[in-house]
Amino acid sequence: MKKALLFFLVIIAIIVQLNNNTINAKAIDCNSEEQVLIESLLKARLEVWNKVYDPSVDKPNWVEELKKYVTNPLLEYDVNAFIQLTKNPTDMDKVNHVKIKEIKKIDRKEDAIRAIVCAIWTIEGKKGTYMENIEYEILLKKENSQWKISDYKINE
C-alpha cells in the first residue's frame, strides 16, 4: 500500500535554477503567500486525484480539470498514472488532506517558485487513518498568469 502511495506522491523532479534568491526558513511566515499558494495547489490536485476512486470518472474531463492546477512534466506523469490506474486498478490508500507545515527554503522568480516544504498528509487505508510527514522540493511555474505545480520530489 505504501508503494502505491509513494507512486502517487513521488512524482516529480525539480529543475535547478541558476539565479538563487533563497530566503531562510526563519524569515518565512507560516501563512505566507507562497505557503498558501502551494497548499491550495496541492489540495486542488488532491481533489482531482481522488476522483480516480469513482468508477464513472470521465478521462477527458479529469485531464482538463487537472490542467487547471498542474503543468508539465507533472501533468504528463499524472495523466499516464491515471491511465495505468484505470486500466489496472490497484489497492491504493486515499489521501484525505494535505497541509504545508513549513517552508524551509524558497527561491522565487517572476515565473517560477522553487521551495523546500514539509507536508503533512492524512491518508485513509485499510487499517485506518494515518499521517505522514514528508519533505519535498516543489517547483511551481506560472502559465497564462496562473501558478501551477510543475514538479516535485521527496527531499533527501
Protein backbone atom coordinates (compact mmCIF):
# COMPACT_ATOMS: atom_id res chain seq x y z
CA MET A 1 0.00 0.00 0.00
CA LYS A 2 2.83 2.39 0.79
CA LYS A 3 4.30 1.73 -2.63
CA ALA A 4 1.03 2.85 -4.21
CA LEU A 5 1.08 5.98 -2.05
CA LEU A 6 4.67 6.70 -2.94
CA PHE A 7 3.81 6.11 -6.60
CA PHE A 8 1.17 8.80 -6.23
CA LEU A 9 3.29 11.17 -4.18
CA VAL A 10 6.80 10.69 -5.53
CA ILE A 11 6.20 12.14 -8.93
CA ILE A 12 8.46 14.97 -9.54
CA ALA A 13 11.99 16.11 -10.22
CA ILE A 14 12.82 19.78 -9.55
CA ILE A 15 14.53 21.98 -12.13
CA VAL A 16 17.70 23.54 -10.74
CA GLN A 17 17.73 27.28 -11.23
CA LEU A 18 20.87 29.31 -11.72
CA ASN A 19 19.77 32.53 -10.03
CA ASN A 20 19.40 31.74 -6.34
CA ASN A 21 17.24 34.07 -4.26
CA THR A 22 16.97 31.81 -1.22
CA ILE A 23 15.11 33.00 1.82
CA ASN A 24 15.90 31.49 5.20
CA ALA A 25 13.05 29.45 6.68
CA LYS A 26 13.08 31.62 9.82
CA ALA A 27 12.04 34.57 7.68
CA ILE A 28 9.06 32.79 6.12
CA ASP A 29 5.74 33.48 7.79
CA CYS A 30 3.72 30.29 8.37
CA ASN A 31 0.84 31.87 6.45
CA SER A 32 2.98 33.37 3.72
CA GLU A 33 1.61 33.91 0.26
CA GLU A 34 3.78 31.09 -1.07
CA GLN A 35 2.68 28.64 1.62
CA VAL A 36 -0.99 29.36 0.96
CA LEU A 37 -0.40 29.04 -2.79
CA ILE A 38 1.49 25.73 -2.56
CA GLU A 39 -1.01 24.23 -0.14
CA SER A 40 -4.01 25.30 -2.23
CA LEU A 41 -2.49 23.80 -5.40
CA LEU A 42 -1.70 20.51 -3.63
CA LYS A 43 -5.23 20.37 -2.22
CA ALA A 44 -6.78 21.07 -5.63
CA ARG A 45 -4.63 18.37 -7.24
CA LEU A 46 -5.60 16.01 -4.42
CA GLU A 47 -9.30 16.64 -5.06
CA VAL A 48 -8.85 15.85 -8.75
CA TRP A 49 -6.82 12.73 -7.96
CA ASN A 50 -9.44 11.46 -5.51
CA LYS A 51 -11.90 11.27 -8.41
CA VAL A 52 -9.93 8.23 -9.58
CA TYR A 53 -11.90 6.28 -6.93
CA ASP A 54 -15.11 6.97 -8.88
CA PRO A 55 -15.52 4.21 -11.50
CA SER A 56 -17.51 6.55 -13.74
CA VAL A 57 -14.81 9.23 -13.90
CA ASP A 58 -14.51 10.68 -17.40
CA LYS A 59 -10.86 10.79 -18.53
CA PRO A 60 -11.08 13.88 -20.81
CA ASN A 61 -12.86 15.90 -18.11
CA TRP A 62 -10.43 14.62 -15.47
CA VAL A 63 -7.44 15.72 -17.55
CA GLU A 64 -8.96 19.16 -18.25
CA GLU A 65 -9.62 19.69 -14.56
CA LEU A 66 -6.07 18.60 -13.70
CA LYS A 67 -4.65 21.08 -16.24
CA LYS A 68 -6.03 23.92 -14.08
CA TYR A 69 -3.52 23.08 -11.34
CA VAL A 70 -0.69 21.09 -12.95
CA THR A 71 1.70 21.63 -15.86
CA ASN A 72 4.41 19.51 -17.47
CA PRO A 73 6.35 17.45 -16.60
CA LEU A 74 4.00 16.56 -13.71
CA LEU A 75 0.92 16.79 -15.93
CA GLU A 76 2.26 14.17 -18.31
CA TYR A 77 3.19 11.89 -15.42
CA ASP A 78 -0.24 12.29 -13.76
CA VAL A 79 -2.11 11.53 -16.99
CA ASN A 80 -0.02 8.39 -17.57
CA ALA A 81 -0.52 7.31 -13.95
CA PHE A 82 -4.28 7.90 -14.28
CA ILE A 83 -4.41 5.74 -17.43
CA GLN A 84 -2.50 2.96 -15.69
CA LEU A 85 -4.73 3.10 -12.61
CA THR A 86 -7.92 2.97 -14.68
CA LYS A 87 -6.60 0.06 -16.78
CA ASN A 88 -5.12 -1.81 -13.82
CA PRO A 89 -6.97 -0.83 -10.64
CA THR A 90 -4.87 -1.19 -7.52
CA ASP A 91 -5.42 -1.12 -3.81
CA MET A 92 -4.31 2.45 -3.16
CA ASP A 93 -4.70 4.36 0.09
CA LYS A 94 -6.77 7.51 -0.26
CA VAL A 95 -5.24 10.85 0.68
CA ASN A 96 -7.87 12.88 2.51
CA HIS A 97 -5.95 16.03 3.36
CA VAL A 98 -2.65 17.83 2.95
CA LYS A 99 -1.23 20.69 4.99
CA ILE A 100 2.01 22.56 4.49
CA LYS A 101 3.64 22.61 7.91
CA GLU A 102 6.52 24.89 6.92
CA ILE A 103 8.60 26.23 4.09
CA LYS A 104 12.29 25.66 4.79
CA LYS A 105 13.69 27.44 1.75
CA ILE A 106 12.18 29.34 -1.12
CA ASP A 107 13.51 30.69 -4.39
CA ARG A 108 11.02 32.96 -6.14
CA LYS A 109 11.31 34.41 -9.61
CA GLU A 110 8.81 36.12 -11.88
CA ASP A 111 7.53 32.89 -13.46
CA ALA A 112 8.80 30.15 -11.12
CA ILE A 113 8.86 29.29 -7.43
CA ARG A 114 11.09 26.56 -6.06
CA ALA A 115 10.68 25.63 -2.41
CA ILE A 116 11.55 23.02 0.15
CA VAL A 117 8.38 22.33 2.11
CA CYS A 118 7.26 19.98 4.87
CA ALA A 119 3.85 18.50 4.09
CA ILE A 120 1.57 16.55 6.41
CA TRP A 121 -0.62 14.05 4.56
CA THR A 122 -3.72 12.50 6.15
CA ILE A 123 -4.26 9.12 4.50
CA GLU A 124 -7.06 6.59 4.75
CA GLY A 125 -6.00 2.96 4.41
CA LYS A 126 -7.48 -0.45 5.10
CA LYS A 127 -6.14 -0.35 8.65
CA GLY A 128 -7.45 3.13 9.40
CA THR A 129 -6.36 6.73 9.03
CA TYR A 130 -2.73 7.69 9.44
CA MET A 131 -0.50 10.70 8.84
CA GLU A 132 2.79 11.08 7.02
CA ASN A 133 5.24 13.96 7.31
CA ILE A 134 7.22 14.32 4.07
CA GLU A 135 9.70 16.98 2.98
CA TYR A 136 9.59 17.91 -0.70
CA GLU A 137 11.32 20.07 -3.23
CA ILE A 138 8.49 21.56 -5.24
CA LEU A 139 8.51 23.66 -8.40
CA LEU A 140 5.65 25.92 -9.41
CA LYS A 141 5.51 27.63 -12.78
CA LYS A 142 3.37 30.50 -13.91
CA GLU A 143 1.36 29.57 -17.00
CA ASN A 144 -1.05 32.10 -18.50
CA SER A 145 -0.79 34.23 -15.34
CA GLN A 146 -1.74 31.26 -13.15
CA TRP A 147 0.54 29.29 -10.83
CA LYS A 148 0.65 25.52 -11.35
CA ILE A 149 2.61 22.62 -9.93
CA SER A 150 5.27 21.65 -12.43
CA ASP A 151 7.31 19.13 -10.49
CA TYR A 152 8.12 17.83 -7.04
CA LYS A 153 10.18 15.13 -5.38
CA ILE A 154 10.95 13.91 -1.91
CA ASN A 155 13.82 15.95 -0.49
CA GLU A 156 16.56 13.67 0.75
